[in-house]
C-alpha atoms as a PDB file:
ATOM      1  CA  MET A   1       0.000   0.000   0.000  1.00  0.00           C
ATOM      2  CA  SER A   2       1.507   3.301  -1.056  1.00  0.00           C
ATOM      3  CA  SER A   3       2.353   5.980   1.501  1.00  0.00           C
ATOM      4  CA  PRO A   4       0.048   8.642  -0.100  1.00  0.00           C
ATOM      5  CA  PHE A   5      -2.876   6.210   0.030  1.00  0.00           C
ATOM      6  CA  VAL A   6      -2.191   5.401   3.689  1.00  0.00           C
ATOM      7  CA  LEU A   7      -1.917   9.079   4.530  1.00  0.00           C
ATOM      8  CA  THR A   8      -5.207   9.853   2.768  1.00  0.00           C
ATOM      9  CA  LEU A   9      -6.968   7.004   4.553  1.00  0.00           C
ATOM     10  CA  LEU A  10      -5.654   8.095   7.925  1.00  0.00           C
ATOM     11  CA  CYS A  11      -6.691  11.702   7.290  1.00  0.00           C
ATOM     12  CA  SER A  12     -10.227  10.543   6.503  1.00  0.00           C
ATOM     13  CA  ILE A  13     -10.477   8.397   9.624  1.00  0.00           C
ATOM     14  CA  VAL A  14      -9.113  11.097  11.924  1.00  0.00           C
ATOM     15  CA  ALA A  15     -11.334  13.752  10.347  1.00  0.00           C
ATOM     16  CA  VAL A  16     -14.416  11.651  10.979  1.00  0.00           C
ATOM     17  CA  ALA A  17     -13.264  10.981  14.531  1.00  0.00           C
ATOM     18  CA  LEU A  18     -12.766  14.664  15.230  1.00  0.00           C
ATOM     19  CA  LEU A  19     -16.137  15.663  13.776  1.00  0.00           C
ATOM     20  CA  CYS A  20     -18.043  12.768  15.333  1.00  0.00           C
ATOM     21  CA  PRO A  21     -16.560  11.989  18.779  1.00  0.00           C
ATOM     22  CA  VAL A  22     -17.784   8.778  20.336  1.00  0.00           C
ATOM     23  CA  ASP A  23     -20.705   9.331  22.673  1.00  0.00           C
ATOM     24  CA  ALA A  24     -22.522   6.576  24.544  1.00  0.00           C
ATOM     25  CA  GLY A  25     -25.820   8.419  23.948  1.00  0.00           C
ATOM     26  CA  SER A  26     -25.740   8.176  20.153  1.00  0.00           C
ATOM     27  CA  ASP A  27     -26.852   4.692  19.008  1.00  0.00           C
ATOM     28  CA  THR A  28     -26.632   5.481  15.289  1.00  0.00           C
ATOM     29  CA  ARG A  29     -22.993   6.555  15.440  1.00  0.00           C
ATOM     30  CA  GLU A  30     -22.093   3.650  17.716  1.00  0.00           C
ATOM     31  CA  GLU A  31     -23.591   1.171  15.236  1.00  0.00           C
ATOM     32  CA  GLN A  32     -21.593   2.736  12.402  1.00  0.00           C
ATOM     33  CA  TRP A  33     -18.312   2.619  14.334  1.00  0.00           C
ATOM     34  CA  ALA A  34     -19.047  -0.948  15.500  1.00  0.00           C
ATOM     35  CA  ASP A  35     -19.563  -1.986  11.896  1.00  0.00           C
ATOM     36  CA  ASP A  36     -16.577  -0.087  10.495  1.00  0.00           C
ATOM     37  CA  MET A  37     -14.033  -0.851  13.203  1.00  0.00           C
ATOM     38  CA  SER A  38     -15.307  -4.362  14.144  1.00  0.00           C
ATOM     39  CA  PHE A  39     -14.819  -3.873  17.857  1.00  0.00           C
ATOM     40  CA  SER A  40     -18.148  -5.541  18.823  1.00  0.00           C
ATOM     41  CA  ASP A  41     -19.222  -9.130  18.291  1.00  0.00           C
ATOM     42  CA  ASP A  42     -22.656  -8.050  17.036  1.00  0.00           C
ATOM     43  CA  ASP A  43     -23.933  -5.206  14.862  1.00  0.00           C
ATOM     44  CA  SER A  44     -25.754  -3.360  17.615  1.00  0.00           C
ATOM     45  CA  ALA A  45     -24.623  -0.314  19.573  1.00  0.00           C
ATOM     46  CA  PHE A  46     -21.632  -0.454  21.882  1.00  0.00           C
ATOM     47  CA  ARG A  47     -22.805  -1.630  25.279  1.00  0.00           C
ATOM     48  CA  THR A  48     -19.726  -1.217  27.465  1.00  0.00           C
ATOM     49  CA  ALA A  49     -17.334   1.549  28.404  1.00  0.00           C
ATOM     50  CA  ASP A  50     -14.486  -0.840  27.583  1.00  0.00           C
ATOM     51  CA  GLU A  51     -15.472  -0.929  23.916  1.00  0.00           C
ATOM     52  CA  LEU A  52     -15.627   2.856  23.825  1.00  0.00           C
ATOM     53  CA  GLU A  53     -12.196   3.087  25.416  1.00  0.00           C
ATOM     54  CA  MET A  54     -10.784   0.585  22.912  1.00  0.00           C
ATOM     55  CA  LEU A  55     -12.067   2.679  20.028  1.00  0.00           C
ATOM     56  CA  ASN A  56     -10.736   5.917  21.455  1.00  0.00           C
ATOM     57  CA  ASN A  57      -7.330   4.297  21.985  1.00  0.00           C
ATOM     58  CA  LYS A  58      -7.393   3.171  18.360  1.00  0.00           C
ATOM     59  CA  LEU A  59      -8.174   6.704  17.226  1.00  0.00           C
ATOM     60  CA  ARG A  60      -5.341   8.108  19.313  1.00  0.00           C
ATOM     61  CA  SER A  61      -2.957   5.644  17.699  1.00  0.00           C
ATOM     62  CA  LEU A  62      -4.175   6.656  14.251  1.00  0.00           C
ATOM     63  CA  ARG A  63      -3.672  10.333  15.063  1.00  0.00           C
ATOM     64  CA  GLU A  64      -0.114   9.651  16.230  1.00  0.00           C
ATOM     65  CA  LEU A  65       0.612   7.708  13.048  1.00  0.00           C
ATOM     66  CA  LEU A  66      -0.840  10.523  10.959  1.00  0.00           C
ATOM     67  CA  GLU A  67       1.359  13.058  12.727  1.00  0.00           C
ATOM     68  CA  LEU A  68       4.399  10.870  12.062  1.00  0.00           C
ATOM     69  CA  GLU A  69       3.498  10.602   8.371  1.00  0.00           C
ATOM     70  CA  THR A  70       3.057  14.368   8.185  1.00  0.00           C
ATOM     71  CA  ARG A  71       6.408  15.139   9.821  1.00  0.00           C
ATOM     72  CA  GLY A  72       8.243  12.850   7.434  1.00  0.00           C
ATOM     73  CA  VAL A  73      11.601  11.122   7.860  1.00  0.00           C
ATOM     74  CA  GLN A  74      14.151  12.286  10.406  1.00  0.00           C
ATOM     75  CA  THR A  75      17.420  11.978   8.525  1.00  0.00           C
ATOM     76  CA  GLU A  76      20.713  10.956  10.061  1.00  0.00           C
ATOM     77  CA  ILE A  77      21.987  14.396   9.066  1.00  0.00           C
ATOM     78  CA  GLU A  78      19.354  16.018  11.268  1.00  0.00           C
ATOM     79  CA  LYS A  79      19.940  13.500  14.050  1.00  0.00           C
ATOM     80  CA  LEU A  80      23.710  13.986  14.163  1.00  0.00           C
ATOM     81  CA  LEU A  81      24.016  17.685  13.344  1.00  0.00           C
ATOM     82  CA  SER A  82      20.934  19.164  15.031  1.00  0.00           C
ATOM     83  CA  GLY A  83      23.082  20.277  17.964  1.00  0.00           C
ATOM     84  CA  PHE A  84      24.408  23.083  15.784  1.00  0.00           C
ATOM     85  CA  LYS A  85      20.951  24.650  15.767  1.00  0.00           C
ATOM     86  CA  GLY A  86      21.572  25.627  19.371  1.00  0.00           C
ATOM     87  CA  VAL A  87      24.858  27.362  18.607  1.00  0.00           C
ATOM     88  CA  LYS A  88      23.980  31.057  18.327  1.00  0.00           C
ATOM     89  CA  LEU A  89      26.564  33.741  17.713  1.00  0.00           C
ATOM     90  CA  THR A  90      26.833  36.379  20.423  1.00  0.00           C
ATOM     91  CA  GLY A  91      26.229  40.045  19.709  1.00  0.00           C
ATOM     92  CA  ASN A  92      29.854  40.568  18.685  1.00  0.00           C
ATOM     93  CA  GLY A  93      30.010  37.410  16.567  1.00  0.00           C
ATOM     94  CA  ASP A  94      31.659  35.057  19.078  1.00  0.00           C
ATOM     95  CA  ILE A  95      30.735  31.373  19.392  1.00  0.00           C
ATOM     96  CA  PRO A  96      29.535  29.963  22.760  1.00  0.00           C
ATOM     97  CA  THR A  97      31.979  27.258  23.811  1.00  0.00           C
ATOM     98  CA  LYS A  98      29.855  24.585  25.460  1.00  0.00           C
ATOM     99  CA  PRO A  99      27.029  24.250  22.892  1.00  0.00           C
ATOM    100  CA  PHE A 100      29.604  24.296  20.103  1.00  0.00           C
ATOM    101  CA  LEU A 101      31.709  21.512  21.609  1.00  0.00           C
ATOM    102  CA  ASP A 102      28.593  19.501  22.472  1.00  0.00           C
ATOM    103  CA  ALA A 103      27.411  19.794  18.868  1.00  0.00           C
ATOM    104  CA  CYS A 104      30.820  18.776  17.514  1.00  0.00           C
ATOM    105  CA  ARG A 105      30.938  15.746  19.804  1.00  0.00           C
ATOM    106  CA  ARG A 106      27.499  14.668  18.662  1.00  0.00           C
ATOM    107  CA  MET A 107      28.411  15.171  14.995  1.00  0.00           C
ATOM    108  CA  VAL A 108      31.496  12.892  14.932  1.00  0.00           C
ATOM    109  CA  PRO A 109      29.587   9.684  13.969  1.00  0.00           C
ATOM    110  CA  PHE A 110      28.583  11.450  10.739  1.00  0.00           C
ATOM    111  CA  PHE A 111      31.874  10.208   9.293  1.00  0.00           C
ATOM    112  CA  ASP A 112      30.728   6.615   9.833  1.00  0.00           C
ATOM    113  CA  LEU A 113      28.106   7.246   7.153  1.00  0.00           C
ATOM    114  CA  LEU A 114      30.935   7.809   4.677  1.00  0.00           C
ATOM    115  CA  GLY A 115      33.069   4.872   5.776  1.00  0.00           C
ATOM    116  CA  GLU A 116      33.527   3.787   9.373  1.00  0.00           C
ATOM    117  CA  THR A 117      37.016   2.339   8.939  1.00  0.00           C
ATOM    118  CA  ALA A 118      38.326   4.683   6.278  1.00  0.00           C
ATOM    119  CA  PHE A 119      37.423   7.834   8.202  1.00  0.00           C
ATOM    120  CA  ALA A 120      38.492   6.555  11.623  1.00  0.00           C
ATOM    121  CA  PRO A 121      41.645   8.757  11.624  1.00  0.00           C
ATOM    122  CA  VAL A 122      39.515  11.853  10.987  1.00  0.00           C
ATOM    123  CA  LYS A 123      37.209  10.987  13.873  1.00  0.00           C
ATOM    124  CA  SER A 124      40.175  10.382  16.154  1.00  0.00           C
ATOM    125  CA  ASP A 125      41.694  13.754  15.275  1.00  0.00           C
ATOM    126  CA  ILE A 126      38.407  15.585  15.821  1.00  0.00           C
ATOM    127  CA  ASN A 127      37.791  13.869  19.158  1.00  0.00           C
ATOM    128  CA  GLY A 128      41.301  14.763  20.276  1.00  0.00           C
ATOM    129  CA  ASN A 129      40.804  18.444  19.515  1.00  0.00           C
ATOM    130  CA  ILE A 130      37.379  18.481  21.174  1.00  0.00           C
ATOM    131  CA  LEU A 131      38.978  16.971  24.284  1.00  0.00           C
ATOM    132  CA  LYS A 132      41.724  19.613  24.384  1.00  0.00           C
ATOM    133  CA  LEU A 133      39.212  22.439  24.115  1.00  0.00           C
ATOM    134  CA  THR A 134      36.901  20.843  26.671  1.00  0.00           C
ATOM    135  CA  LYS A 135      39.725  20.568  29.205  1.00  0.00           C
ATOM    136  CA  LYS A 136      40.642  24.219  28.672  1.00  0.00           C
ATOM    137  CA  TYR A 137      37.020  25.323  28.998  1.00  0.00           C
ATOM    138  CA  SER A 138      36.477  23.301  32.187  1.00  0.00           C
ATOM    139  CA  THR A 139      39.273  25.164  33.983  1.00  0.00           C
ATOM    140  CA  ASP A 140      37.174  28.344  33.998  1.00  0.00           C
ATOM    141  CA  PRO A 141      33.763  28.076  32.250  1.00  0.00           C
ATOM    142  CA  ASP A 142      32.831  31.692  33.011  1.00  0.00           C
ATOM    143  CA  ARG A 143      36.051  33.120  31.651  1.00  0.00           C
ATOM    144  CA  PHE A 144      36.018  30.853  28.590  1.00  0.00           C
ATOM    145  CA  SER A 145      32.326  31.133  27.742  1.00  0.00           C
ATOM    146  CA  THR A 146      33.174  31.668  24.062  1.00  0.00           C
ATOM    147  CA  LEU A 147      35.762  30.050  21.812  1.00  0.00           C
ATOM    148  CA  GLN A 148      37.232  33.450  21.082  1.00  0.00           C
ATOM    149  CA  ASP A 149      37.763  34.037  24.817  1.00  0.00           C
ATOM    150  CA  ILE A 150      39.912  30.909  24.983  1.00  0.00           C
ATOM    151  CA  VAL A 151      42.101  32.043  22.112  1.00  0.00           C
ATOM    152  CA  LYS A 152      42.377  35.605  23.439  1.00  0.00           C
ATOM    153  CA  GLN A 153      43.667  34.286  26.753  1.00  0.00           C
ATOM    154  CA  GLU A 154      46.396  32.314  24.969  1.00  0.00           C
ATOM    155  CA  MET A 155      47.198  35.335  22.831  1.00  0.00           C
ATOM    156  CA  ALA A 156      47.692  37.405  25.993  1.00  0.00           C
ATOM    157  CA  GLU A 157      49.978  34.744  27.459  1.00  0.00           C
ATOM    158  CA  LYS A 158      51.727  34.188  24.106  1.00  0.00           C
ATOM    159  CA  THR A 159      50.990  30.453  24.156  1.00  0.00           C
ATOM    160  CA  THR A 160      48.982  30.128  20.937  1.00  0.00           C
ATOM    161  CA  LYS A 161      51.821  28.165  19.314  1.00  0.00           C
ATOM    162  CA  ALA A 162      52.625  26.082  22.361  1.00  0.00           C
ATOM    163  CA  LYS A 163      52.323  22.293  22.085  1.00  0.00           C
ATOM    164  CA  ASN A 164      48.707  21.150  22.535  1.00  0.00           C
ATOM    165  CA  SER A 165      47.442  24.731  22.717  1.00  0.00           C
ATOM    166  CA  ALA A 166      43.694  25.309  22.531  1.00  0.00           C
ATOM    167  CA  THR A 167      44.328  27.758  19.701  1.00  0.00           C
ATOM    168  CA  ASP A 168      45.868  25.009  17.588  1.00  0.00           C
ATOM    169  CA  ALA A 169      43.141  22.532  18.543  1.00  0.00           C
ATOM    170  CA  LEU A 170      40.403  24.949  17.485  1.00  0.00           C
ATOM    171  CA  LEU A 171      42.229  25.696  14.242  1.00  0.00           C
ATOM    172  CA  TRP A 172      42.244  22.025  13.255  1.00  0.00           C
ATOM    173  CA  LEU A 173      38.721  21.445  14.501  1.00  0.00           C
ATOM    174  CA  ARG A 174      37.487  24.245  12.265  1.00  0.00           C
ATOM    175  CA  ARG A 175      39.340  22.796   9.270  1.00  0.00           C
ATOM    176  CA  ALA A 176      37.825  19.376   9.955  1.00  0.00           C
ATOM    177  CA  LEU A 177      34.310  20.838  10.146  1.00  0.00           C
ATOM    178  CA  GLU A 178      34.786  22.372   6.725  1.00  0.00           C
ATOM    179  CA  PHE A 179      34.892  18.865   5.250  1.00  0.00           C
ATOM    180  CA  PRO A 180      31.285  17.874   6.161  1.00  0.00           C
ATOM    181  CA  GLN A 181      30.243  21.446   5.382  1.00  0.00           C
ATOM    182  CA  HIS A 182      31.430  21.186   1.777  1.00  0.00           C
ATOM    183  CA  PHE A 183      30.325  17.559   1.466  1.00  0.00           C
ATOM    184  CA  LEU A 184      26.762  18.469   2.454  1.00  0.00           C
ATOM    185  CA  ALA A 185      26.865  21.518   0.186  1.00  0.00           C
ATOM    186  CA  GLY A 186      27.759  19.260  -2.744  1.00  0.00           C
ATOM    187  CA  ILE A 187      24.759  17.035  -2.032  1.00  0.00           C
ATOM    188  CA  ALA A 188      22.491  20.060  -1.643  1.00  0.00           C
ATOM    189  CA  GLU A 189      23.612  21.259  -5.077  1.00  0.00           C
ATOM    190  CA  GLY A 190      22.399  18.003  -6.625  1.00  0.00           C
ATOM    191  CA  GLU A 191      25.644  16.125  -7.242  1.00  0.00           C
ATOM    192  CA  THR A 192      25.041  12.349  -7.092  1.00  0.00           C
ATOM    193  CA  ASP A 193      28.619  11.120  -7.539  1.00  0.00           C
ATOM    194  CA  LEU A 194      29.614  10.995  -3.875  1.00  0.00           C
ATOM    195  CA  VAL A 195      33.236  10.172  -4.610  1.00  0.00           C
ATOM    196  CA  LYS A 196      33.388  13.404  -6.577  1.00  0.00           C
ATOM    197  CA  VAL A 197      31.615  15.245  -3.740  1.00  0.00           C
ATOM    198  CA  ALA A 198      34.030  13.852  -1.130  1.00  0.00           C
ATOM    199  CA  LYS A 199      37.120  14.697  -3.175  1.00  0.00           C
ATOM    200  CA  ALA A 200      35.908  18.248  -3.767  1.00  0.00           C
ATOM    201  CA  ALA A 201      35.118  18.651  -0.056  1.00  0.00           C
ATOM    202  CA  TYR A 202      38.581  17.437   0.902  1.00  0.00           C
ATOM    203  CA  GLU A 203      40.265  19.759  -1.588  1.00  0.00           C
ATOM    204  CA  ARG A 204      38.308  22.740  -0.239  1.00  0.00           C
ATOM    205  CA  SER A 205      38.993  21.943   3.404  1.00  0.00           C
ATOM    206  CA  LEU A 206      41.870  19.793   4.645  1.00  0.00           C
ATOM    207  CA  LYS A 207      44.008  18.845   1.654  1.00  0.00           C
ATOM    208  CA  LYS A 208      46.112  22.005   1.539  1.00  0.00           C
ATOM    209  CA  TYR A 209      47.156  21.464   5.161  1.00  0.00           C
ATOM    210  CA  HIS A 210      48.158  17.790   4.740  1.00  0.00           C
ATOM    211  CA  GLY A 211      51.425  16.280   3.617  1.00  0.00           C
ATOM    212  CA  TRP A 212      51.583  13.750   0.813  1.00  0.00           C
ATOM    213  CA  MET A 213      51.272  10.760   3.146  1.00  0.00           C
ATOM    214  CA  VAL A 214      48.053  11.966   4.770  1.00  0.00           C
ATOM    215  CA  GLN A 215      46.715  12.967   1.363  1.00  0.00           C
ATOM    216  CA  SER A 216      47.349   9.400   0.202  1.00  0.00           C
ATOM    217  CA  ILE A 217      45.372   8.049   3.157  1.00  0.00           C
ATOM    218  CA  PHE A 218      42.473  10.321   2.262  1.00  0.00           C
ATOM    219  CA  SER A 219      42.611   9.256  -1.357  1.00  0.00           C
ATOM    220  CA  LEU A 220      42.012   5.699  -0.208  1.00  0.00           C
ATOM    221  CA  ALA A 221      39.254   6.827   2.132  1.00  0.00           C
ATOM    222  CA  MET A 222      37.390   8.413  -0.785  1.00  0.00           C
ATOM    223  CA  LYS A 223      36.986   4.954  -2.308  1.00  0.00           C
ATOM    224  CA  ALA A 224      34.996   3.864   0.744  1.00  0.00           C
ATOM    225  CA  VAL A 225      32.295   6.483   0.218  1.00  0.00           C
ATOM    226  CA  PRO A 226      28.994   4.691  -0.550  1.00  0.00           C
ATOM    227  CA  TYR A 227      27.024   4.921  -3.767  1.00  0.00           C
ATOM    228  CA  TYR A 228      24.419   7.672  -3.858  1.00  0.00           C
ATOM    229  CA  HIS A 229      21.416   5.330  -3.671  1.00  0.00           C
ATOM    230  CA  ASP A 230      22.893   3.459  -0.707  1.00  0.00           C
ATOM    231  CA  PHE A 231      23.702   6.731   1.020  1.00  0.00           C
ATOM    232  CA  VAL A 232      20.133   7.999   0.596  1.00  0.00           C
ATOM    233  CA  MET A 233      18.800   4.764   2.071  1.00  0.00           C
ATOM    234  CA  LYS A 234      21.222   4.887   4.989  1.00  0.00           C
ATOM    235  CA  VAL A 235      20.757   8.571   5.735  1.00  0.00           C
ATOM    236  CA  ALA A 236      17.080   9.139   4.970  1.00  0.00           C
ATOM    237  CA  SER A 237      15.396   5.754   4.450  1.00  0.00           C
ATOM    238  CA  GLY A 238      15.228   6.554   0.756  1.00  0.00           C
ATOM    239  CA  ASP A 239      13.716  10.033   1.126  1.00  0.00           C
ATOM    240  CA  GLU A 240      16.000  11.991  -1.190  1.00  0.00           C
ATOM    241  CA  LYS A 241      14.151  15.294  -0.722  1.00  0.00           C
ATOM    242  CA  ALA A 242      14.518  15.113   3.057  1.00  0.00           C
ATOM    243  CA  MET A 243      18.225  14.361   2.706  1.00  0.00           C
ATOM    244  CA  ILE A 244      18.842  17.272   0.337  1.00  0.00           C
ATOM    245  CA  ARG A 245      16.804  19.607   2.556  1.00  0.00           C
ATOM    246  CA  ASP A 246      18.831  18.768   5.656  1.00  0.00           C
ATOM    247  CA  ALA A 247      22.111  18.774   3.736  1.00  0.00           C
ATOM    248  CA  LYS A 248      21.481  22.389   2.736  1.00  0.00           C
ATOM    249  CA  THR A 249      20.363  23.403   6.226  1.00  0.00           C
ATOM    250  CA  TYR A 250      23.491  22.128   7.941  1.00  0.00           C
ATOM    251  CA  ALA A 251      25.914  23.066   5.189  1.00  0.00           C
ATOM    252  CA  ASP A 252      24.714  26.642   5.688  1.00  0.00           C
ATOM    253  CA  LYS A 253      24.886  26.394   9.486  1.00  0.00           C
ATOM    254  CA  LEU A 254      28.388  24.957   9.496  1.00  0.00           C
ATOM    255  CA  GLY A 255      29.398  27.600   6.968  1.00  0.00           C
ATOM    256  CA  ILE A 256      28.374  30.401   9.329  1.00  0.00           C
ATOM    257  CA  LEU A 257      30.363  28.942  12.221  1.00  0.00           C
ATOM    258  CA  THR A 258      33.518  28.052  10.302  1.00  0.00           C
ATOM    259  CA  LYS A 259      33.575  31.478   8.648  1.00  0.00           C
ATOM    260  CA  ALA A 260      33.245  33.207  12.026  1.00  0.00           C
ATOM    261  CA  LEU A 261      36.277  31.289  13.274  1.00  0.00           C
ATOM    262  CA  GLN A 262      38.273  31.810  10.104  1.00  0.00           C
ATOM    263  CA  ASP A 263      37.598  35.559  10.154  1.00  0.00           C
ATOM    264  CA  PHE A 264      38.696  35.745  13.795  1.00  0.00           C
ATOM    265  CA  TYR A 265      41.939  33.854  13.139  1.00  0.00           C
ATOM    266  CA  THR A 266      42.692  35.960  10.079  1.00  0.00           C
ATOM    267  CA  ALA A 267      42.000  39.238  11.882  1.00  0.00           C
ATOM    268  CA  ASN A 268      44.407  38.223  14.654  1.00  0.00           C
ATOM    269  CA  ASN A 269      47.083  36.862  12.327  1.00  0.00           C
ATOM    270  CA  LEU A 270      46.685  33.335  13.656  1.00  0.00           C
END
C-alpha cells in the first residue's frame, strides 16, 4: 500500500473521529463505528465503556501515526548535526563554547556514514581536539564562555603556538568541520557522484594542510564512500528530498560557524 494512500486514509479516519466523537448516547454513530471498526461481536450499539475506550485508543494511535506521516523522515543528518541549531553567535560574533563543543561531539559519527574504517583517523583527530578544548574550557567556564575568549587568553599569554594549545586545537577542529560542510553543500547542489563530492570537499577543506602521506590516506578513504542510492537509504530511508533539505540546512549552518572562526583567526594573524 503506497504511503500517499495510507496518509489519505488516515486523514479521513481522523477527520471523521474529530467531527463525530464517540458518545454513549448516540446509538446510530455507535452502530456505524461498530460496523466499520469491528470492535463488537454483534452489529448493535456499543454496550460497554471498555469498547468505547478501545475505540478511542485506536483513534489516538491513528492520530499519532498521521502526525508521524506528516512530519516525514528524520534523517541521520538532522539527528547527528541538530546540535548546531543551538549554537547562536553572540552580539559581537563570538561562538559559545559549550554548545559548540557539544554539537561537535554529537556530529562525529557522521563520518561513519561515509566509511567507518576509512574515516576513523579523521574521527580520532576531531575527538582529540574536542577533548583539548573541553579541558581548557572546564578550567574556567565563566572566563572561557566563548571560543574566542579561549584564544584571546592564549594570545595574551603568548601560548597560541605552544604544544597542545587550545588555539591550535580549534584551528584544526574548524578545518575538519569544513569537510562535512562542503560535502553536504555538494549534495544540496544536486551532485550524485559521492566520490566526486568527497574529493571536492577534501580539496576545499583539509588537503592544503596535509602532507603527501596523509593525502594518500584520504585518497584511499574516498573509495569507501557509498554509492548515492545506498547513502540515501542509509541517511534518509530513501527520502531523497529530506536528505537534500537537511544537507542544505546544515551546510549553511556549518558555513556560518567556520567562517566566524576563520575571520577571527585571520583578523588576529593566527
